[in-house]
Protein backbone atom coordinates (compact mmCIF):
# COMPACT_ATOMS: atom_id res chain seq x y z
CA UNK A 1 10.97 -10.26 -7.86
CA UNK A 2 11.60 -6.62 -8.78
CA UNK A 3 9.72 -3.68 -7.28
CA UNK A 4 8.76 -2.53 -10.78
CA UNK A 5 7.01 -5.83 -11.46
CA UNK A 6 5.02 -5.64 -8.23
CA UNK A 7 3.97 -2.02 -8.71
CA UNK A 8 2.76 -2.56 -12.26
CA UNK A 9 0.42 -5.39 -11.27
CA UNK A 10 -3.21 -4.36 -10.76
CA UNK A 11 -4.73 -5.15 -7.38
CA UNK A 12 -7.45 -2.80 -6.22
CA UNK A 13 -8.95 -3.82 -2.85
CA UNK A 14 -10.98 -7.00 -3.26
CA UNK A 15 -9.28 -7.78 -6.58
CA UNK A 16 -5.77 -8.72 -5.48
CA UNK A 17 -5.58 -11.96 -7.49
CA UNK A 18 -2.74 -10.98 -9.83
CA UNK A 19 -0.63 -9.62 -6.98
CA UNK A 20 -1.40 -12.64 -4.80
CA UNK A 21 -0.35 -15.09 -7.52
CA UNK A 22 2.97 -13.30 -8.09
CA UNK A 23 3.75 -13.12 -4.37
CA UNK A 24 2.74 -16.73 -3.78
CA UNK A 25 5.11 -17.85 -6.53
CA UNK A 26 8.00 -15.72 -5.25
CA UNK A 27 7.51 -16.67 -1.58
CA UNK A 28 7.32 -20.38 -2.43
CA UNK A 29 10.85 -20.19 -3.80
CA UNK A 30 12.35 -19.00 -0.51
CA UNK A 31 10.34 -20.84 2.15
CA UNK A 32 8.43 -24.10 2.36
CA UNK A 33 5.38 -23.13 4.41
CA UNK A 34 3.32 -20.79 2.21
CA UNK A 35 -0.46 -20.75 1.97
CA UNK A 36 -3.50 -18.62 1.24
CA UNK A 37 -5.98 -18.12 4.07
CA UNK A 38 -9.73 -17.58 3.83
CA UNK A 39 -9.31 -13.80 3.67
CA UNK A 40 -7.13 -14.17 0.58
CA UNK A 41 -3.94 -13.29 2.45
CA UNK A 42 -0.65 -14.96 1.57
CA UNK A 43 0.89 -16.32 4.79
CA UNK A 44 4.54 -17.41 4.65
CA UNK A 45 6.41 -18.93 7.61
CA UNK A 46 10.15 -19.45 7.97
CA UNK A 47 11.85 -21.11 10.93
CA UNK A 48 14.63 -19.11 12.53
CA UNK A 49 18.13 -20.47 13.03
CA UNK A 50 18.21 -19.75 16.77
CA UNK A 51 18.09 -23.09 18.64
CA UNK A 52 16.72 -21.83 21.96
CA UNK A 53 14.76 -18.79 23.03
CA UNK A 54 13.59 -17.88 19.54
CA UNK A 55 10.76 -15.38 19.32
CA UNK A 56 8.08 -15.32 16.65
CA UNK A 57 8.05 -12.06 14.68
CA UNK A 58 5.29 -11.08 12.27
CA UNK A 59 5.96 -8.77 9.33
CA UNK A 60 2.90 -7.55 7.45
CA UNK A 61 2.30 -5.55 4.27
CA UNK A 62 -0.83 -5.10 2.20
CA UNK A 63 -1.18 -6.25 -1.40
CA UNK A 64 -4.08 -4.01 -2.43
CA UNK A 65 -4.02 -0.54 -3.95
CA UNK A 66 -6.58 2.23 -4.40
CA UNK A 67 -8.67 2.20 -7.56
CA UNK A 68 -12.24 2.42 -8.81
CA UNK A 69 -15.46 0.49 -9.31
CA UNK A 70 -17.75 1.06 -12.28
CA UNK A 71 -21.14 2.09 -10.94
CA UNK A 72 -23.11 2.60 -14.16
CA UNK A 73 -23.00 3.72 -17.78
CA UNK A 74 -24.62 6.76 -19.38
CA UNK A 75 -26.60 6.52 -22.59
CA UNK A 76 -23.58 8.04 -24.36
CA UNK A 77 -21.32 5.20 -23.18
CA UNK A 78 -19.50 7.04 -20.38
CA UNK A 79 -18.65 4.99 -17.27
CA UNK A 80 -19.60 6.33 -13.85
CA UNK A 81 -17.05 5.59 -11.12
CA UNK A 82 -16.60 5.50 -7.36
CA UNK A 83 -13.26 5.29 -5.56
CA UNK A 84 -12.07 2.18 -3.75
CA UNK A 85 -9.99 3.62 -0.93
CA UNK A 86 -9.14 7.24 -0.26
CA UNK A 87 -8.54 9.03 -3.57
CA UNK A 88 -8.58 12.80 -4.04
CA UNK A 89 -10.72 13.48 -7.15
CA UNK A 90 -8.45 16.45 -7.94
CA UNK A 91 -5.66 14.08 -9.03
CA UNK A 92 -7.87 12.04 -11.36
CA UNK A 93 -8.97 14.24 -14.25
CA UNK A 94 -7.27 13.32 -17.57
CA UNK A 95 -5.52 10.26 -16.07
CA UNK A 96 -5.39 6.95 -17.94
CA UNK A 97 -7.08 3.88 -16.44
CA UNK A 98 -7.59 0.25 -17.38
CA UNK A 99 -11.12 -1.08 -16.97
CA UNK A 100 -12.52 -4.58 -16.44
CA UNK A 101 -11.07 -8.03 -17.05
CA UNK A 102 -10.06 -7.11 -20.60
CA UNK A 103 -8.15 -4.06 -19.31
CA UNK A 104 -9.91 -1.67 -21.66
CA UNK A 105 -8.03 1.61 -22.02
CA UNK A 106 -9.89 4.65 -20.70
CA UNK A 107 -9.36 8.20 -19.52
CA UNK A 108 -10.99 9.94 -16.58
CA UNK A 109 -12.78 13.00 -17.90
CA UNK A 110 -14.84 15.94 -16.74
CA UNK A 111 -16.59 18.90 -18.27
CA UNK A 112 -14.08 21.06 -20.15
CA UNK A 113 -13.09 24.26 -18.38
CA UNK A 114 -14.45 26.25 -21.36
CA UNK A 115 -17.94 24.98 -20.54
CA UNK A 116 -17.76 25.51 -16.79
CA UNK A 117 -19.31 28.47 -15.05
CA UNK A 118 -17.35 30.73 -12.73
CA UNK A 119 -18.97 28.92 -9.79
CA UNK A 120 -18.01 25.53 -11.24
CA UNK A 121 -14.36 26.56 -11.28
CA UNK A 122 -14.41 27.38 -7.56
CA UNK A 123 -15.22 23.86 -6.39
CA UNK A 124 -13.62 20.44 -6.47
CA UNK A 125 -15.42 18.19 -8.90
CA UNK A 126 -17.22 15.34 -7.12
CA UNK A 127 -17.38 11.73 -8.24
CA UNK A 128 -20.79 12.34 -9.82
CA UNK A 129 -19.11 14.83 -12.15
CA UNK A 130 -16.30 12.52 -13.27
CA UNK A 131 -16.53 9.65 -15.74
CA UNK A 132 -14.35 7.23 -17.68
CA UNK A 133 -14.32 7.59 -21.44
CA UNK A 134 -13.42 4.32 -23.21
CA UNK A 135 -14.35 5.58 -26.66
CA UNK A 136 -17.66 3.72 -26.72
CA UNK A 137 -20.53 5.11 -28.79
CA UNK A 138 -23.43 3.66 -26.81
CA UNK A 139 -24.40 2.31 -23.40
CA UNK A 140 -24.65 -1.24 -24.73
CA UNK A 141 -21.21 -1.06 -26.29
CA UNK A 142 -19.66 0.14 -23.04
CA UNK A 143 -21.54 -2.42 -20.94
CA UNK A 144 -20.32 -5.29 -23.09
CA UNK A 145 -16.74 -4.93 -21.84
CA UNK A 146 -17.16 -2.82 -18.71
CA UNK A 147 -20.25 -3.96 -16.80
CA UNK A 148 -21.39 -2.48 -13.52
CA UNK A 149 -19.24 -3.66 -10.62
CA UNK A 150 -16.03 -4.21 -12.56
CA UNK A 151 -12.78 -2.60 -11.45
CA UNK A 152 -10.72 0.19 -12.94
CA UNK A 153 -7.04 0.77 -12.19
CA UNK A 154 -4.66 3.67 -12.64
CA UNK A 155 -2.61 2.94 -15.77
CA UNK A 156 0.80 4.26 -14.76
CA UNK A 157 4.11 2.49 -15.17
CA UNK A 158 7.10 2.40 -12.82
CA UNK A 159 10.00 4.70 -13.66
CA UNK A 160 13.21 5.79 -12.00
CA UNK A 161 13.92 9.52 -12.10
CA UNK A 162 15.87 12.27 -10.42
CA UNK A 163 18.32 11.50 -7.63
CA UNK A 164 17.40 7.94 -6.67
CA UNK A 165 13.62 8.44 -6.87
CA UNK A 166 10.91 6.32 -8.41
CA UNK A 167 7.43 7.25 -9.60
CA UNK A 168 4.61 4.72 -9.87
CA UNK A 169 1.12 3.83 -8.83
CA UNK A 170 0.78 1.43 -5.89
CA UNK A 171 4.06 2.23 -4.12
CA UNK A 172 1.70 2.01 -1.13
CA UNK A 173 2.22 -0.79 -0.35
CA UNK A 174 4.06 -2.81 -2.96
CA UNK A 175 7.29 -1.47 -1.44
CA UNK A 176 6.33 -3.24 1.79
CA UNK A 177 5.48 -6.46 -0.08
CA UNK A 178 8.80 -6.30 -1.93
CA UNK A 179 10.71 -5.93 1.31
CA UNK A 180 8.82 -8.80 2.96
CA UNK A 181 9.93 -11.05 0.10
CA UNK A 182 13.50 -9.84 0.52
CA UNK A 183 13.48 -10.54 4.27
CA UNK A 184 12.07 -14.01 3.60
CA UNK A 185 15.04 -14.73 1.35
CA UNK A 186 17.47 -14.23 4.26
CA UNK A 187 18.20 -16.53 7.20
CA UNK A 188 16.86 -15.02 10.44
CA UNK A 189 17.55 -15.65 14.11
CA UNK A 190 13.90 -15.61 15.18
CA UNK A 191 10.95 -17.43 13.64
CA UNK A 192 9.29 -15.29 11.00
CA UNK A 193 5.81 -15.06 9.52
CA UNK A 194 5.22 -12.69 6.63
CA UNK A 195 1.58 -11.77 5.97
CA UNK A 196 0.74 -10.22 2.61
CA UNK A 197 -2.78 -9.03 3.36
CA UNK A 198 -5.84 -7.90 1.41
CA UNK A 199 -8.28 -4.98 1.59
CA UNK A 200 -6.22 -2.60 3.73
CA UNK A 201 -7.50 0.40 1.79
CA UNK A 202 -11.12 -0.33 2.72
CA UNK A 203 -10.73 -1.01 6.43
CA UNK A 204 -7.81 -3.42 7.06
CA UNK A 205 -10.12 -6.40 6.51
CA UNK A 206 -7.45 -8.90 5.50
CA UNK A 207 -5.29 -8.05 8.50
CA UNK A 208 -8.18 -8.74 10.87
CA UNK A 209 -8.34 -12.29 9.52
CA UNK A 210 -4.59 -12.75 9.82
CA UNK A 211 -4.57 -11.32 13.35
CA UNK A 212 -6.98 -13.95 14.62
CA UNK A 213 -4.90 -16.78 13.22
CA UNK A 214 -1.27 -15.78 13.72
CA UNK A 215 0.28 -15.89 17.20
CA UNK A 216 3.41 -13.79 17.55
CA UNK A 217 5.58 -11.90 20.02
CA UNK A 218 5.68 -8.71 17.95
CA UNK A 219 4.10 -7.41 14.75
CA UNK A 220 5.92 -4.95 12.50
CA UNK A 221 3.81 -3.40 9.76
CA UNK A 222 5.71 -2.30 6.65
CA UNK A 223 3.78 0.52 4.98
CA UNK A 224 3.88 3.57 2.78
CA UNK A 225 2.93 6.88 4.36
CA UNK A 226 2.24 10.41 3.18
CA UNK A 227 5.34 12.61 3.05
CA UNK A 228 4.81 16.30 3.60
CA UNK A 229 8.09 17.75 2.32
CA UNK A 230 6.40 19.77 -0.41
CA UNK A 231 6.64 23.36 -1.59
CA UNK A 232 5.68 25.81 1.10
CA UNK A 233 4.46 23.26 3.65
CA UNK A 234 5.71 24.40 7.05
CA UNK A 235 8.34 22.23 8.75
CA UNK A 236 5.95 21.51 11.61
CA UNK A 237 3.45 19.94 9.17
CA UNK A 238 5.83 17.92 7.03
CA UNK A 239 5.36 14.79 9.24
CA UNK A 240 8.06 12.82 7.41
CA UNK A 241 10.44 13.49 4.55
CA UNK A 242 11.47 11.60 1.44
CA UNK A 243 15.13 10.61 1.67
CA UNK A 244 15.36 10.86 5.47
CA UNK A 245 15.02 7.11 6.05
CA UNK A 246 12.23 4.75 7.03
CA UNK A 247 9.65 6.45 9.25
CA UNK A 248 8.91 4.86 12.64
CA UNK A 249 5.45 5.81 13.97
CA UNK A 250 4.56 6.30 17.63
CA UNK A 251 0.85 6.81 16.80
CA UNK A 252 -1.57 7.22 13.90
CA UNK A 253 -5.32 7.53 13.55
CA UNK A 254 -5.84 3.80 14.10
CA UNK A 255 -3.20 2.61 16.56
CA UNK A 256 -0.65 3.56 19.18
CA UNK A 257 2.67 1.76 18.98
CA UNK A 258 3.46 -0.58 21.84
CA UNK A 259 5.79 1.52 24.02
CA UNK A 260 8.30 -1.23 24.73
CA UNK A 261 8.41 -2.42 21.11
CA UNK A 262 8.72 1.17 19.86
CA UNK A 263 11.72 1.76 22.12
CA UNK A 264 13.24 -1.59 21.11
CA UNK A 265 12.95 -0.75 17.41
CA UNK A 266 14.60 2.64 17.89
CA UNK A 267 17.25 1.03 20.10
CA UNK A 268 18.08 -1.53 17.40
CA UNK A 269 18.23 1.26 14.80
CA UNK A 270 20.68 3.22 16.96
CA UNK A 271 22.83 0.21 17.84
CA UNK A 272 22.97 -1.16 14.30
CA UNK A 273 23.25 2.29 12.69
CA UNK A 274 20.06 1.77 10.69
CA UNK A 275 18.85 4.95 8.97
CA UNK A 276 15.42 6.03 10.20
CA UNK A 277 13.28 9.02 11.15
CA UNK A 278 10.41 9.41 13.60
CA UNK A 279 7.10 10.26 11.96
CA UNK A 280 6.34 13.66 13.47
CA UNK A 281 2.57 13.62 13.43
CA UNK A 282 -0.59 11.58 13.91
CA UNK A 283 -1.93 10.97 10.42
CA UNK A 284 -3.46 8.16 8.39
CA UNK A 285 -4.04 4.60 9.51
CA UNK A 286 -2.96 1.10 8.53
CA UNK A 287 -3.08 -2.59 9.41
CA UNK A 288 -1.47 -2.00 12.81
CA UNK A 289 -4.98 -1.11 13.97
CA UNK A 290 -6.26 -4.60 13.11
CA UNK A 291 -3.35 -6.45 14.68
CA UNK A 292 -3.59 -4.31 17.81
CA UNK A 293 -7.35 -4.67 18.21
CA UNK A 294 -8.12 -8.25 17.15
CA UNK A 295 -7.77 -11.58 18.96
CA UNK A 296 -6.55 -10.15 22.23
CA UNK A 297 -4.17 -7.72 20.55
CA UNK A 298 -0.53 -7.79 19.50
CA UNK A 299 2.41 -5.53 20.22
CA UNK A 300 2.72 -3.45 17.03
CA UNK A 301 5.01 -0.88 15.49
CA UNK A 302 4.87 0.62 11.98
CA UNK A 303 7.85 1.13 9.64
CA UNK A 304 6.81 3.30 6.70
CA UNK A 305 8.40 4.48 3.47
CA UNK A 306 7.56 8.17 2.90
CA UNK A 307 5.64 8.69 -0.36
CA UNK A 308 4.70 11.98 -1.98
CA UNK A 309 1.33 12.15 -3.79
CA UNK A 310 0.23 8.91 -2.14
CA UNK A 311 -3.05 7.27 -3.26
CA UNK A 312 -2.67 8.78 -6.70
CA UNK A 313 -1.48 7.58 -10.10
CA UNK A 314 2.04 8.96 -9.66
CA UNK A 315 3.41 8.46 -6.15
CA UNK A 316 7.04 9.34 -5.57
CA UNK A 317 9.47 7.63 -3.19
CA UNK A 318 13.22 7.35 -2.80
CA UNK A 319 14.80 3.93 -3.19
CA UNK A 320 17.14 4.61 -0.28
CA UNK A 321 14.10 4.82 2.05
CA UNK A 322 12.88 1.45 0.76
CA UNK A 323 16.33 0.01 1.45
CA UNK A 324 16.23 1.50 4.93
CA UNK A 325 12.84 -0.14 5.57
CA UNK A 326 14.24 -3.51 4.52
CA UNK A 327 17.39 -3.03 6.58
CA UNK A 328 15.59 -2.07 9.79
CA UNK A 329 12.94 -4.78 9.39
CA UNK A 330 15.61 -7.47 8.97
CA UNK A 331 17.61 -6.17 11.92
CA UNK A 332 14.48 -6.21 14.07
CA UNK A 333 13.57 -9.77 13.07
CA UNK A 334 17.06 -10.80 14.18
CA UNK A 335 17.39 -8.51 17.18
CA UNK A 336 14.07 -8.42 19.02
């Protein structure tokens, strides 16, 4: 399965069905033990080739992406929205979305700048001041196809551009899902479970379910993370950089990497000449928190692909960093 195909699927948190079906089909072609658990996670197991002393390694990536829920409709047929996951409203105005099961085309709108007061122009528009325009004339017309509680998704395709870069919605974390499928397609020394989990963007809920069920010696979380190599951002605040390799985290806002596992991962990277960088800051959070905190805890470490403009309609990443994530993950599954 290609990364483009995964990124262009719609799978806002709690609505991962299309992504789950595609991953289930792809994983079933490369390993025999694939199932869906009660949290909606896809769990794939592959026996390692090592005859004795094999460890059990867990790789995890989340299927969901940020998006929106429709919260109501105005009398004029405009859809009121709330974010699902952390979205900056400043990146939303004038962006295309698809709404509801019929994927109705819409655009996120706001009061035109010509109609705003001087005070209006000094503040960030809140969610109560944004709406989705689907071209409906009345409330009833809009409600017929886009009822309260239905989902809306950024409508942005996947494109290659520049020097080895890609731009797309949902790079966080379809890159991780793509690399899990690629690792599953290879023979490994140790036993391997790949967990494609749900609802990471709203509190790592799928990973909590997986953590209680899966027993493993180490858990590596494949993620996307915010890159700071932008404009006039100071070097000390750039955290990680696009094109500098997969980012290995020692800590974020939800977890602290297991010290021994962290050193092992960096040791494998050095020995095997895998290209990586250390994430130079404590930012964000991810499913490592769930695996570390649930069911007695697991030794965790996070391998992230740096993404600019993350959680927006047009994230940017470099394909070489995605390759580096795959390379280091596979080396760790074989070398831990």
